[in-house]
Amino acid sequence: MTELTVWYDGSCPLCRQEIALMRRLDRRGAIRFIDAVEAGPASCPLDRGDLLARFHASQNGRLFSGAEAFAAMWRAIPLLRPLGWAFQRPFALALLEGLYRRFLRARPALQRLARRLERP
């Protein structure tokens, strides 16, 4: 399996927590995590706004977005690989994408809550 690159929103407390967990689970170092907020234009395959609006990953020259990006990330982590394989199937991927879109609508409110909980 080749290295997977994942772009995430480093200004989002939810994203930071999720990526911290994925880094702990990625014991083989198969994933290159890039904070799209801090990254220079050369390391971003899309406009920064587009990268921050949805979750993105790239592997073997293929760019994944949303649910597909999550499934690709899960496949790169042995513990989560069965989940990643399950969401390769069209019906399951469509279901996950629908859930992800709902999450995106709730994300601003969840971010505000997470920021309040982060404060000492």
PDB file of N, CA and C in Angstrom:
ATOM      1  N   MET A   1       0.843  -1.180   0.000  1.00  0.00           N
ATOM      2  CA  MET A   1       0.000   0.000   0.000  1.00  0.00           C
ATOM      3  C   MET A   1       0.889   1.245   0.000  1.00  0.00           C
ATOM      4  N   THR A   2       0.572   2.209  -0.855  1.00  0.00           N
ATOM      5  CA  THR A   2       1.360   3.429  -0.929  1.00  0.00           C
ATOM      6  C   THR A   2       0.876   4.438   0.106  1.00  0.00           C
ATOM      7  N   GLU A   3       1.740   5.434   0.348  1.00  0.00           N
ATOM      8  CA  GLU A   3       1.411   6.447   1.348  1.00  0.00           C
ATOM      9  C   GLU A   3       0.159   7.218   0.941  1.00  0.00           C
ATOM     10  N   LEU A   4      -0.633   7.496   1.929  1.00  0.00           N
ATOM     11  CA  LEU A   4      -1.853   8.276   1.754  1.00  0.00           C
ATOM     12  C   LEU A   4      -1.589   9.657   2.330  1.00  0.00           C
ATOM     13  N   THR A   5      -2.026  10.701   1.640  1.00  0.00           N
ATOM     14  CA  THR A   5      -1.926  12.056   2.157  1.00  0.00           C
ATOM     15  C   THR A   5      -3.317  12.519   2.537  1.00  0.00           C
ATOM     16  N   VAL A   6      -3.431  13.074   3.729  1.00  0.00           N
ATOM     17  CA  VAL A   6      -4.706  13.562   4.246  1.00  0.00           C
ATOM     18  C   VAL A   6      -4.563  15.040   4.586  1.00  0.00           C
ATOM     19  N   TRP A   7      -5.495  15.849   4.091  1.00  0.00           N
ATOM     20  CA  TRP A   7      -5.543  17.267   4.448  1.00  0.00           C
ATOM     21  C   TRP A   7      -6.665  17.457   5.449  1.00  0.00           C
ATOM     22  N   TYR A   8      -6.400  18.251   6.480  1.00  0.00           N
ATOM     23  CA  TYR A   8      -7.412  18.489   7.506  1.00  0.00           C
ATOM     24  C   TYR A   8      -7.384  19.957   7.926  1.00  0.00           C
ATOM     25  N   ASP A   9      -8.441  20.372   8.593  1.00  0.00           N
ATOM     26  CA  ASP A   9      -8.589  21.751   9.063  1.00  0.00           C
ATOM     27  C   ASP A   9      -7.999  21.858  10.465  1.00  0.00           C
ATOM     28  N   GLY A  10      -6.767  22.353  10.548  1.00  0.00           N
ATOM     29  CA  GLY A  10      -6.087  22.473  11.833  1.00  0.00           C
ATOM     30  C   GLY A  10      -6.685  23.523  12.752  1.00  0.00           C
ATOM     31  N   SER A  11      -7.579  24.373  12.236  1.00  0.00           N
ATOM     32  CA  SER A  11      -8.232  25.371  13.084  1.00  0.00           C
ATOM     33  C   SER A  11      -9.501  24.814  13.727  1.00  0.00           C
ATOM     34  N   CYS A  12      -9.894  23.625  13.345  1.00  0.00           N
ATOM     35  CA  CYS A  12     -11.130  22.999  13.842  1.00  0.00           C
ATOM     36  C   CYS A  12     -10.796  22.050  14.996  1.00  0.00           C
ATOM     37  N   PRO A  13     -11.371  22.298  16.178  1.00  0.00           N
ATOM     38  CA  PRO A  13     -11.077  21.412  17.310  1.00  0.00           C
ATOM     39  C   PRO A  13     -11.527  19.973  17.078  1.00  0.00           C
ATOM     40  N   LEU A  14     -12.613  19.769  16.357  1.00  0.00           N
ATOM     41  CA  LEU A  14     -13.080  18.411  16.062  1.00  0.00           C
ATOM     42  C   LEU A  14     -12.077  17.689  15.166  1.00  0.00           C
ATOM     43  N   CYS A  15     -11.606  18.411  14.148  1.00  0.00           N
ATOM     44  CA  CYS A  15     -10.637  17.827  13.212  1.00  0.00           C
ATOM     45  C   CYS A  15      -9.327  17.496  13.909  1.00  0.00           C
ATOM     46  N   ARG A  16      -8.865  18.413  14.756  1.00  0.00           N
ATOM     47  CA  ARG A  16      -7.602  18.175  15.475  1.00  0.00           C
ATOM     48  C   ARG A  16      -7.703  16.929  16.341  1.00  0.00           C
ATOM     49  N   GLN A  17      -8.832  16.748  17.016  1.00  0.00           N
ATOM     50  CA  GLN A  17      -9.005  15.567  17.871  1.00  0.00           C
ATOM     51  C   GLN A  17      -9.046  14.293  17.043  1.00  0.00           C
ATOM     52  N   GLU A  18      -9.770  14.343  15.933  1.00  0.00           N
ATOM     53  CA  GLU A  18      -9.860  13.155  15.091  1.00  0.00           C
ATOM     54  C   GLU A  18      -8.497  12.798  14.497  1.00  0.00           C
ATOM     55  N   ILE A  19      -7.766  13.793  14.011  1.00  0.00           N
ATOM     56  CA  ILE A  19      -6.460  13.528  13.413  1.00  0.00           C
ATOM     57  C   ILE A  19      -5.474  13.035  14.481  1.00  0.00           C
ATOM     58  N   ALA A  20      -5.569  13.560  15.682  1.00  0.00           N
ATOM     59  CA  ALA A  20      -4.708  13.065  16.766  1.00  0.00           C
ATOM     60  C   ALA A  20      -4.956  11.575  16.999  1.00  0.00           C
ATOM     61  N   LEU A  21      -6.213  11.163  16.974  1.00  0.00           N
ATOM     62  CA  LEU A  21      -6.541   9.745  17.135  1.00  0.00           C
ATOM     63  C   LEU A  21      -5.999   8.932  15.959  1.00  0.00           C
ATOM     64  N   MET A  22      -6.188   9.420  14.748  1.00  0.00           N
ATOM     65  CA  MET A  22      -5.704   8.692  13.571  1.00  0.00           C
ATOM     66  C   MET A  22      -4.179   8.570  13.592  1.00  0.00           C
ATOM     67  N   ARG A  23      -3.499   9.609  14.041  1.00  0.00           N
ATOM     68  CA  ARG A  23      -2.024   9.528  14.146  1.00  0.00           C
ATOM     69  C   ARG A  23      -1.600   8.447  15.134  1.00  0.00           C
ATOM     70  N   ARG A  24      -2.317   8.350  16.249  1.00  0.00           N
ATOM     71  CA  ARG A  24      -1.986   7.304  17.234  1.00  0.00           C
ATOM     72  C   ARG A  24      -2.228   5.911  16.658  1.00  0.00           C
ATOM     73  N   LEU A  25      -3.284   5.770  15.873  1.00  0.00           N
ATOM     74  CA  LEU A  25      -3.612   4.466  15.288  1.00  0.00           C
ATOM     75  C   LEU A  25      -2.714   4.115  14.103  1.00  0.00           C
ATOM     76  N   ASP A  26      -2.155   5.119  13.449  1.00  0.00           N
ATOM     77  CA  ASP A  26      -1.293   4.909  12.278  1.00  0.00           C
ATOM     78  C   ASP A  26       0.136   4.604  12.728  1.00  0.00           C
ATOM     79  N   ARG A  27       0.311   3.483  13.344  1.00  0.00           N
ATOM     80  CA  ARG A  27       1.622   3.108  13.907  1.00  0.00           C
ATOM     81  C   ARG A  27       2.675   2.850  12.839  1.00  0.00           C
ATOM     82  N   ARG A  28       2.252   2.533  11.627  1.00  0.00           N
ATOM     83  CA  ARG A  28       3.196   2.270  10.539  1.00  0.00           C
ATOM     84  C   ARG A  28       3.620   3.546   9.821  1.00  0.00           C
ATOM     85  N   GLY A  29       2.971   4.654  10.127  1.00  0.00           N
ATOM     86  CA  GLY A  29       3.292   5.907   9.452  1.00  0.00           C
ATOM     87  C   GLY A  29       2.885   5.906   7.988  1.00  0.00           C
ATOM     88  N   ALA A  30       1.777   5.257   7.677  1.00  0.00           N
ATOM     89  CA  ALA A  30       1.316   5.135   6.295  1.00  0.00           C
ATOM     90  C   ALA A  30       0.611   6.395   5.797  1.00  0.00           C
ATOM     91  N   ILE A  31       0.291   7.297   6.707  1.00  0.00           N
ATOM     92  CA  ILE A  31      -0.474   8.492   6.334  1.00  0.00           C
ATOM     93  C   ILE A  31       0.351   9.741   6.588  1.00  0.00           C
ATOM     94  N   ARG A  32       0.359  10.614   5.616  1.00  0.00           N
ATOM     95  CA  ARG A  32       0.987  11.932   5.747  1.00  0.00           C
ATOM     96  C   ARG A  32      -0.146  12.927   5.996  1.00  0.00           C
ATOM     97  N   PHE A  33      -0.171  13.506   7.186  1.00  0.00           N
ATOM     98  CA  PHE A  33      -1.219  14.452   7.557  1.00  0.00           C
ATOM     99  C   PHE A  33      -0.733  15.876   7.297  1.00  0.00           C
ATOM    100  N   ILE A  34      -1.547  16.661   6.594  1.00  0.00           N
ATOM    101  CA  ILE A  34      -1.202  18.048   6.288  1.00  0.00           C
ATOM    102  C   ILE A  34      -2.311  18.963   6.801  1.00  0.00           C
ATOM    103  N   ASP A  35      -1.922  19.909   7.632  1.00  0.00           N
ATOM    104  CA  ASP A  35      -2.858  20.925   8.111  1.00  0.00           C
ATOM    105  C   ASP A  35      -3.066  21.906   6.964  1.00  0.00           C
ATOM    106  N   ALA A  36      -4.240  21.920   6.374  1.00  0.00           N
ATOM    107  CA  ALA A  36      -4.522  22.771   5.209  1.00  0.00           C
ATOM    108  C   ALA A  36      -4.494  24.257   5.564  1.00  0.00           C
ATOM    109  N   VAL A  37      -4.663  24.586   6.839  1.00  0.00           N
ATOM    110  CA  VAL A  37      -4.609  25.988   7.268  1.00  0.00           C
ATOM    111  C   VAL A  37      -3.167  26.487   7.208  1.00  0.00           C
ATOM    112  N   GLU A  38      -2.224  25.650   7.613  1.00  0.00           N
ATOM    113  CA  GLU A  38      -0.812  26.031   7.706  1.00  0.00           C
ATOM    114  C   GLU A  38      -0.022  25.746   6.428  1.00  0.00           C
ATOM    115  N   ALA A  39      -0.521  24.852   5.596  1.00  0.00           N
ATOM    116  CA  ALA A  39       0.233  24.396   4.427  1.00  0.00           C
ATOM    117  C   ALA A  39       0.385  25.485   3.379  1.00  0.00           C
ATOM    118  N   GLY A  40       1.520  25.443   2.702  1.00  0.00           N
ATOM    119  CA  GLY A  40       1.750  26.344   1.581  1.00  0.00           C
ATOM    120  C   GLY A  40       0.982  25.871   0.361  1.00  0.00           C
ATOM    121  N   PRO A  41       0.789  26.748  -0.603  1.00  0.00           N
ATOM    122  CA  PRO A  41       0.027  26.390  -1.810  1.00  0.00           C
ATOM    123  C   PRO A  41       0.590  25.178  -2.549  1.00  0.00           C
ATOM    124  N   ALA A  42       1.897  24.979  -2.485  1.00  0.00           N
ATOM    125  CA  ALA A  42       2.511  23.861  -3.210  1.00  0.00           C
ATOM    126  C   ALA A  42       2.064  22.504  -2.672  1.00  0.00           C
ATOM    127  N   SER A  43       1.670  22.431  -1.411  1.00  0.00           N
ATOM    128  CA  SER A  43       1.264  21.144  -0.834  1.00  0.00           C
ATOM    129  C   SER A  43      -0.250  20.954  -0.829  1.00  0.00           C
ATOM    130  N   CYS A  44      -0.978  21.852  -1.489  1.00  0.00           N
ATOM    131  CA  CYS A  44      -2.438  21.758  -1.547  1.00  0.00           C
ATOM    132  C   CYS A  44      -2.890  21.505  -2.985  1.00  0.00           C
ATOM    133  N   PRO A  45      -3.587  20.395  -3.232  1.00  0.00           N
ATOM    134  CA  PRO A  45      -4.003  20.075  -4.601  1.00  0.00           C
ATOM    135  C   PRO A  45      -5.205  20.894  -5.078  1.00  0.00           C
ATOM    136  N   LEU A  46      -5.873  21.557  -4.152  1.00  0.00           N
ATOM    137  CA  LEU A  46      -7.058  22.355  -4.458  1.00  0.00           C
ATOM    138  C   LEU A  46      -6.934  23.713  -3.798  1.00  0.00           C
ATOM    139  N   ASP A  47      -7.853  24.577  -4.121  1.00  0.00           N
ATOM    140  CA  ASP A  47      -7.970  25.850  -3.427  1.00  0.00           C
ATOM    141  C   ASP A  47      -8.139  25.573  -1.929  1.00  0.00           C
ATOM    142  N   ARG A  48      -7.483  26.359  -1.093  1.00  0.00           N
ATOM    143  CA  ARG A  48      -7.527  26.141   0.352  1.00  0.00           C
ATOM    144  C   ARG A  48      -8.973  26.107   0.884  1.00  0.00           C
ATOM    145  N   GLY A  49      -9.820  26.974   0.372  1.00  0.00           N
ATOM    146  CA  GLY A  49     -11.223  26.985   0.798  1.00  0.00           C
ATOM    147  C   GLY A  49     -11.921  25.664   0.522  1.00  0.00           C
ATOM    148  N   ASP A  50     -11.651  25.091  -0.646  1.00  0.00           N
ATOM    149  CA  ASP A  50     -12.242  23.793  -0.991  1.00  0.00           C
ATOM    150  C   ASP A  50     -11.699  22.692  -0.079  1.00  0.00           C
ATOM    151  N   LEU A  51     -10.397  22.754   0.216  1.00  0.00           N
ATOM    152  CA  LEU A  51      -9.797  21.751   1.105  1.00  0.00           C
ATOM    153  C   LEU A  51     -10.392  21.824   2.502  1.00  0.00           C
ATOM    154  N   LEU A  52     -10.694  23.031   2.962  1.00  0.00           N
ATOM    155  CA  LEU A  52     -11.225  23.200   4.317  1.00  0.00           C
ATOM    156  C   LEU A  52     -12.721  22.907   4.403  1.00  0.00           C
ATOM    157  N   ALA A  53     -13.417  22.968   3.286  1.00  0.00           N
ATOM    158  CA  ALA A  53     -14.864  22.746   3.291  1.00  0.00           C
ATOM    159  C   ALA A  53     -15.240  21.281   3.462  1.00  0.00           C
ATOM    160  N   ARG A  54     -14.373  20.381   2.990  1.00  0.00           N
ATOM    161  CA  ARG A  54     -14.618  18.943   3.074  1.00  0.00           C
ATOM    162  C   ARG A  54     -13.299  18.244   3.383  1.00  0.00           C
ATOM    163  N   PHE A  55     -13.405  17.006   3.841  1.00  0.00           N
ATOM    164  CA  PHE A  55     -12.248  16.188   4.137  1.00  0.00           C
ATOM    165  C   PHE A  55     -11.689  15.642   2.823  1.00  0.00           C
ATOM    166  N   HIS A  56     -10.354  15.724   2.633  1.00  0.00           N
ATOM    167  CA  HIS A  56      -9.725  15.255   1.401  1.00  0.00           C
ATOM    168  C   HIS A  56      -8.517  14.365   1.701  1.00  0.00           C
ATOM    169  N   ALA A  57      -8.291  13.424   0.790  1.00  0.00           N
ATOM    170  CA  ALA A  57      -7.126  12.547   0.864  1.00  0.00           C
ATOM    171  C   ALA A  57      -6.691  12.228  -0.559  1.00  0.00           C
ATOM    172  N   SER A  58      -5.428  11.849  -0.711  1.00  0.00           N
ATOM    173  CA  SER A  58      -4.896  11.503  -2.025  1.00  0.00           C
ATOM    174  C   SER A  58      -4.008  10.274  -1.907  1.00  0.00           C
ATOM    175  N   GLN A  59      -4.144   9.401  -2.897  1.00  0.00           N
ATOM    176  CA  GLN A  59      -3.307   8.197  -2.943  1.00  0.00           C
ATOM    177  C   GLN A  59      -3.139   7.787  -4.399  1.00  0.00           C
ATOM    178  N   ASN A  60      -1.912   7.499  -4.788  1.00  0.00           N
ATOM    179  CA  ASN A  60      -1.621   7.072  -6.163  1.00  0.00           C
ATOM    180  C   ASN A  60      -2.171   8.051  -7.198  1.00  0.00           C
ATOM    181  N   GLY A  61      -2.099   9.346  -6.901  1.00  0.00           N
ATOM    182  CA  GLY A  61      -2.560  10.359  -7.844  1.00  0.00           C
ATOM    183  C   GLY A  61      -4.057  10.567  -7.883  1.00  0.00           C
ATOM    184  N   ARG A  62      -4.785   9.841  -7.064  1.00  0.00           N
ATOM    185  CA  ARG A  62      -6.247   9.969  -7.026  1.00  0.00           C
ATOM    186  C   ARG A  62      -6.648  10.783  -5.800  1.00  0.00           C
ATOM    187  N   LEU A  63      -7.481  11.795  -6.012  1.00  0.00           N
ATOM    188  CA  LEU A  63      -7.951  12.648  -4.933  1.00  0.00           C
ATOM    189  C   LEU A  63      -9.323  12.171  -4.477  1.00  0.00           C
ATOM    190  N   PHE A  64      -9.459  11.934  -3.183  1.00  0.00           N
ATOM    191  CA  PHE A  64     -10.728  11.508  -2.583  1.00  0.00           C
ATOM    192  C   PHE A  64     -11.304  12.669  -1.784  1.00  0.00           C
ATOM    193  N   SER A  65     -12.625  12.724  -1.701  1.00  0.00           N
ATOM    194  CA  SER A  65     -13.290  13.778  -0.951  1.00  0.00           C
ATOM    195  C   SER A  65     -14.421  13.171  -0.128  1.00  0.00           C
ATOM    196  N   GLY A  66     -14.665  13.761   1.046  1.00  0.00           N
ATOM    197  CA  GLY A  66     -15.787  13.329   1.872  1.00  0.00           C
ATOM    198  C   GLY A  66     -15.661  11.897   2.345  1.00  0.00           C
ATOM    199  N   ALA A  67     -16.739  11.144   2.178  1.00  0.00           N
ATOM    200  CA  ALA A  67     -16.789   9.768   2.654  1.00  0.00           C
ATOM    201  C   ALA A  67     -15.694   8.904   2.027  1.00  0.00           C
ATOM    202  N   GLU A  68     -15.412   9.121   0.750  1.00  0.00           N
ATOM    203  CA  GLU A  68     -14.348   8.350   0.093  1.00  0.00           C
ATOM    204  C   GLU A  68     -12.997   8.587   0.747  1.00  0.00           C
ATOM    205  N   ALA A  69     -12.755   9.832   1.182  1.00  0.00           N
ATOM    206  CA  ALA A  69     -11.484  10.156   1.842  1.00  0.00           C
ATOM    207  C   ALA A  69     -11.392   9.462   3.196  1.00  0.00           C
ATOM    208  N   PHE A  70     -12.495   9.445   3.932  1.00  0.00           N
ATOM    209  CA  PHE A  70     -12.488   8.743   5.215  1.00  0.00           C
ATOM    210  C   PHE A  70     -12.231   7.255   5.010  1.00  0.00           C
ATOM    211  N   ALA A  71     -12.916   6.648   4.049  1.00  0.00           N
ATOM    212  CA  ALA A  71     -12.726   5.215   3.787  1.00  0.00           C
ATOM    213  C   ALA A  71     -11.278   4.921   3.393  1.00  0.00           C
ATOM    214  N   ALA A  72     -10.675   5.796   2.587  1.00  0.00           N
ATOM    215  CA  ALA A  72      -9.272   5.602   2.191  1.00  0.00           C
ATOM    216  C   ALA A  72      -8.362   5.693   3.412  1.00  0.00           C
ATOM    217  N   MET A  73      -8.630   6.656   4.294  1.00  0.00           N
ATOM    218  CA  MET A  73      -7.821   6.797   5.503  1.00  0.00           C
ATOM    219  C   MET A  73      -7.969   5.557   6.394  1.00  0.00           C
ATOM    220  N   TRP A  74      -9.182   5.094   6.551  1.00  0.00           N
ATOM    221  CA  TRP A  74      -9.407   3.907   7.388  1.00  0.00           C
ATOM    222  C   TRP A  74      -8.695   2.686   6.810  1.00  0.00           C
ATOM    223  N   ARG A  75      -8.678   2.548   5.483  1.00  0.00           N
ATOM    224  CA  ARG A  75      -7.994   1.393   4.861  1.00  0.00           C
ATOM    225  C   ARG A  75      -6.494   1.427   5.118  1.00  0.00           C
ATOM    226  N   ALA A  76      -5.927   2.601   5.349  1.00  0.00           N
ATOM    227  CA  ALA A  76      -4.483   2.725   5.591  1.00  0.00           C
ATOM    228  C   ALA A  76      -4.092   2.356   7.017  1.00  0.00           C
ATOM    229  N   ILE A  77      -5.074   2.201   7.898  1.00  0.00           N
ATOM    230  CA  ILE A  77      -4.816   1.892   9.309  1.00  0.00           C
ATOM    231  C   ILE A  77      -5.310   0.466   9.575  1.00  0.00           C
ATOM    232  N   PRO A  78      -4.413  -0.461   9.895  1.00  0.00           N
ATOM    233  CA  PRO A  78      -4.824  -1.863  10.041  1.00  0.00           C
ATOM    234  C   PRO A  78      -6.050  -2.090  10.934  1.00  0.00           C
ATOM    235  N   LEU A  79      -6.125  -1.408  12.049  1.00  0.00           N
ATOM    236  CA  LEU A  79      -7.263  -1.596  12.957  1.00  0.00           C
ATOM    237  C   LEU A  79      -8.593  -1.180  12.314  1.00  0.00           C
ATOM    238  N   LEU A  80      -8.553  -0.173  11.456  1.00  0.00           N
ATOM    239  CA  LEU A  80      -9.770   0.346  10.828  1.00  0.00           C
ATOM    240  C   LEU A  80      -9.989  -0.159   9.403  1.00  0.00           C
ATOM    241  N   ARG A  81      -9.049  -0.948   8.906  1.00  0.00           N
ATOM    242  CA  ARG A  81      -9.119  -1.420   7.520  1.00  0.00           C
ATOM    243  C   ARG A  81     -10.441  -2.109   7.171  1.00  0.00           C
ATOM    244  N   PRO A  82     -11.001  -2.981   8.024  1.00  0.00           N
ATOM    245  CA  PRO A  82     -12.292  -3.598   7.664  1.00  0.00           C
ATOM    246  C   PRO A  82     -13.400  -2.560   7.439  1.00  0.00           C
ATOM    247  N   LEU A  83     -13.390  -1.509   8.224  1.00  0.00           N
ATOM    248  CA  LEU A  83     -14.361  -0.428   8.049  1.00  0.00           C
ATOM    249  C   LEU A  83     -14.139   0.262   6.704  1.00  0.00           C
ATOM    250  N   GLY A  84     -12.886   0.526   6.377  1.00  0.00           N
ATOM    251  CA  GLY A  84     -12.557   1.138   5.090  1.00  0.00           C
ATOM    252  C   GLY A  84     -12.971   0.279   3.916  1.00  0.00           C
ATOM    253  N   TRP A  85     -12.765  -1.030   4.035  1.00  0.00           N
ATOM    254  CA  TRP A  85     -13.180  -1.942   2.969  1.00  0.00           C
ATOM    255  C   TRP A  85     -14.703  -1.957   2.833  1.00  0.00           C
ATOM    256  N   ALA A  86     -15.398  -1.991   3.965  1.00  0.00           N
ATOM    257  CA  ALA A  86     -16.862  -2.026   3.946  1.00  0.00           C
ATOM    258  C   ALA A  86     -17.430  -0.810   3.218  1.00  0.00           C
ATOM    259  N   PHE A  87     -16.796   0.351   3.409  1.00  0.00           N
ATOM    260  CA  PHE A  87     -17.311   1.572   2.795  1.00  0.00           C
ATOM    261  C   PHE A  87     -16.778   1.814   1.393  1.00  0.00           C
ATOM    262  N   GLN A  88     -16.159   0.806   0.784  1.00  0.00           N
ATOM    263  CA  GLN A  88     -15.818   0.873  -0.639  1.00  0.00           C
ATOM    264  C   GLN A  88     -17.030   0.515  -1.482  1.00  0.00           C
ATOM    265  N   ARG A  89     -17.937  -0.222  -0.925  1.00  0.00           N
ATOM    266  CA  ARG A  89     -19.120  -0.650  -1.655  1.00  0.00           C
ATOM    267  C   ARG A  89     -20.019   0.561  -1.922  1.00  0.00           C
ATOM    268  N   PRO A  90     -20.569   0.663  -3.136  1.00  0.00           N
ATOM    269  CA  PRO A  90     -21.337   1.858  -3.517  1.00  0.00           C
ATOM    270  C   PRO A  90     -22.464   2.224  -2.552  1.00  0.00           C
ATOM    271  N   PHE A  91     -23.271   1.246  -2.146  1.00  0.00           N
ATOM    272  CA  PHE A  91     -24.394   1.558  -1.253  1.00  0.00           C
ATOM    273  C   PHE A  91     -23.890   2.083   0.092  1.00  0.00           C
ATOM    274  N   ALA A  92     -22.901   1.409   0.653  1.00  0.00           N
ATOM    275  CA  ALA A  92     -22.358   1.826   1.952  1.00  0.00           C
ATOM    276  C   ALA A  92     -21.682   3.192   1.836  1.00  0.00           C
ATOM    277  N   LEU A  93     -20.971   3.422   0.756  1.00  0.00           N
ATOM    278  CA  LEU A  93     -20.306   4.712   0.553  1.00  0.00           C
ATOM    279  C   LEU A  93     -21.335   5.835   0.420  1.00  0.00           C
ATOM    280  N   ALA A  94     -22.423   5.581  -0.293  1.00  0.00           N
ATOM    281  CA  ALA A  94     -23.493   6.585  -0.430  1.00  0.00           C
ATOM    282  C   ALA A  94     -24.123   6.884   0.929  1.00  0.00           C
ATOM    283  N   LEU A  95     -24.313   5.869   1.730  1.00  0.00           N
ATOM    284  CA  LEU A  95     -24.858   6.059   3.078  1.00  0.00           C
ATOM    285  C   LEU A  95     -23.909   6.908   3.927  1.00  0.00           C
ATOM    286  N   LEU A  96     -22.633   6.574   3.900  1.00  0.00           N
ATOM    287  CA  LEU A  96     -21.639   7.332   4.669  1.00  0.00           C
ATOM    288  C   LEU A  96     -21.560   8.776   4.171  1.00  0.00           C
ATOM    289  N   GLU A  97     -21.627   8.986   2.870  1.00  0.00           N
ATOM    290  CA  GLU A  97     -21.590  10.345   2.316  1.00  0.00           C
ATOM    291  C   GLU A  97     -22.801  11.150   2.784  1.00  0.00           C
ATOM    292  N   GLY A  98     -23.953  10.529   2.835  1.00  0.00           N
ATOM    293  CA  GLY A  98     -25.148  11.208   3.339  1.00  0.00           C
ATOM    294  C   GLY A  98     -24.990  11.624   4.794  1.00  0.00           C
ATOM    295  N   LEU A  99     -24.428  10.738   5.604  1.00  0.00           N
ATOM    296  CA  LEU A  99     -24.172  11.064   7.011  1.00  0.00           C
ATOM    297  C   LEU A  99     -23.133  12.173   7.131  1.00  0.00           C
ATOM    298  N   TYR A 100     -22.118  12.125   6.287  1.00  0.00           N
ATOM    299  CA  TYR A 100     -21.077  13.147   6.314  1.00  0.00           C
ATOM    300  C   TYR A 100     -21.659  14.515   5.953  1.00  0.00           C
ATOM    301  N   ARG A 101     -22.525  14.563   4.962  1.00  0.00           N
ATOM    302  CA  ARG A 101     -23.151  15.841   4.584  1.00  0.00           C
ATOM    303  C   ARG A 101     -24.009  16.402   5.717  1.00  0.00           C
ATOM    304  N   ARG A 102     -24.682  15.544   6.433  1.00  0.00           N
ATOM    305  CA  ARG A 102     -25.446  16.001   7.606  1.00  0.00           C
ATOM    306  C   ARG A 102     -24.507  16.558   8.667  1.00  0.00           C
ATOM    307  N   PHE A 103     -23.392  15.857   8.885  1.00  0.00           N
ATOM    308  CA  PHE A 103     -22.395  16.337   9.835  1.00  0.00           C
ATOM    309  C   PHE A 103     -21.894  17.715   9.425  1.00  0.00           C
ATOM    310  N   LEU A 104     -21.638  17.917   8.122  1.00  0.00           N
ATOM    311  CA  LEU A 104     -21.131  19.213   7.656  1.00  0.00           C
ATOM    312  C   LEU A 104     -22.096  20.349   7.969  1.00  0.00           C
ATOM    313  N   ARG A 105     -23.394  20.068   7.922  1.00  0.00           N
ATOM    314  CA  ARG A 105     -24.372  21.105   8.272  1.00  0.00           C
ATOM    315  C   ARG A 105     -24.325  21.426   9.761  1.00  0.00           C
ATOM    316  N   ALA A 106     -24.052  20.418  10.585  1.00  0.00           N
ATOM    317  CA  ALA A 106     -23.998  20.612  12.041  1.00  0.00           C
ATOM    318  C   ALA A 106     -22.611  21.034  12.517  1.00  0.00           C
ATOM    319  N   ARG A 107     -21.628  20.948  11.645  1.00  0.00           N
ATOM    320  CA  ARG A 107     -20.230  21.197  12.034  1.00  0.00           C
ATOM    321  C   ARG A 107     -20.004  22.551  12.700  1.00  0.00           C
ATOM    322  N   PRO A 108     -20.525  23.660  12.175  1.00  0.00           N
ATOM    323  CA  PRO A 108     -20.260  24.946  12.848  1.00  0.00           C
ATOM    324  C   PRO A 108     -20.715  24.974  14.313  1.00  0.00           C
ATOM    325  N   ALA A 109     -21.882  24.432  14.586  1.00  0.00           N
ATOM    326  CA  ALA A 109     -22.372  24.398  15.970  1.00  0.00           C
ATOM    327  C   ALA A 109     -21.512  23.468  16.828  1.00  0.00           C
ATOM    328  N   LEU A 110     -21.118  22.334  16.266  1.00  0.00           N
ATOM    329  CA  LEU A 110     -20.266  21.399  17.002  1.00  0.00           C
ATOM    330  C   LEU A 110     -18.886  22.000  17.262  1.00  0.00           C
ATOM    331  N   GLN A 111     -18.375  22.777  16.308  1.00  0.00           N
ATOM    332  CA  GLN A 111     -17.087  23.446  16.498  1.00  0.00           C
ATOM    333  C   GLN A 111     -17.169  24.466  17.638  1.00  0.00           C
ATOM    334  N   ARG A 112     -18.246  25.237  17.662  1.00  0.00           N
ATOM    335  CA  ARG A 112     -18.409  26.221  18.749  1.00  0.00           C
ATOM    336  C   ARG A 112     -18.430  25.521  20.099  1.00  0.00           C
ATOM    337  N   LEU A 113     -19.160  24.438  20.191  1.00  0.00           N
ATOM    338  CA  LEU A 113     -19.244  23.673  21.430  1.00  0.00           C
ATOM    339  C   LEU A 113     -17.865  23.128  21.804  1.00  0.00           C
ATOM    340  N   ALA A 114     -17.168  22.557  20.854  1.00  0.00           N
ATOM    341  CA  ALA A 114     -15.843  21.979  21.126  1.00  0.00           C
ATOM    342  C   ALA A 114     -14.864  23.069  21.580  1.00  0.00           C
ATOM    343  N   ARG A 115     -14.950  24.241  20.978  1.00  0.00           N
ATOM    344  CA  ARG A 115     -14.061  25.359  21.387  1.00  0.00           C
ATOM    345  C   ARG A 115     -14.338  25.767  22.832  1.00  0.00           C
ATOM    346  N   ARG A 116     -15.619  25.803  23.194  1.00  0.00           N
ATOM    347  CA  ARG A 116     -15.963  26.159  24.585  1.00  0.00           C
ATOM    348  C   ARG A 116     -15.440  25.101  25.554  1.00  0.00           C
ATOM    349  N   LEU A 117     -15.493  23.853  25.167  1.00  0.00           N
ATOM    350  CA  LEU A 117     -15.036  22.771  26.031  1.00  0.00           C
ATOM    351  C   LEU A 117     -13.511  22.722  26.124  1.00  0.00           C
ATOM    352  N   GLU A 118     -12.818  23.220  25.098  1.00  0.00           N
ATOM    353  CA  GLU A 118     -11.348  23.245  25.096  1.00  0.00           C
ATOM    354  C   GLU A 118     -10.784  24.275  26.065  1.00  0.00           C
ATOM    355  N   ARG A 119     -11.495  25.329  26.296  1.00  0.00           N
ATOM    356  CA  ARG A 119     -10.993  26.408  27.140  1.00  0.00           C
ATOM    357  C   ARG A 119     -10.834  25.934  28.581  1.00  0.00           C
ATOM    358  N   PRO A 120      -9.743  26.401  29.235  1.00  0.00           N
ATOM    359  CA  PRO A 120      -9.506  25.964  30.622  1.00  0.00           C
ATOM    360  C   PRO A 120     -10.502  26.524  31.611  1.00  0.00           C
TER     361      PRO A 120
END
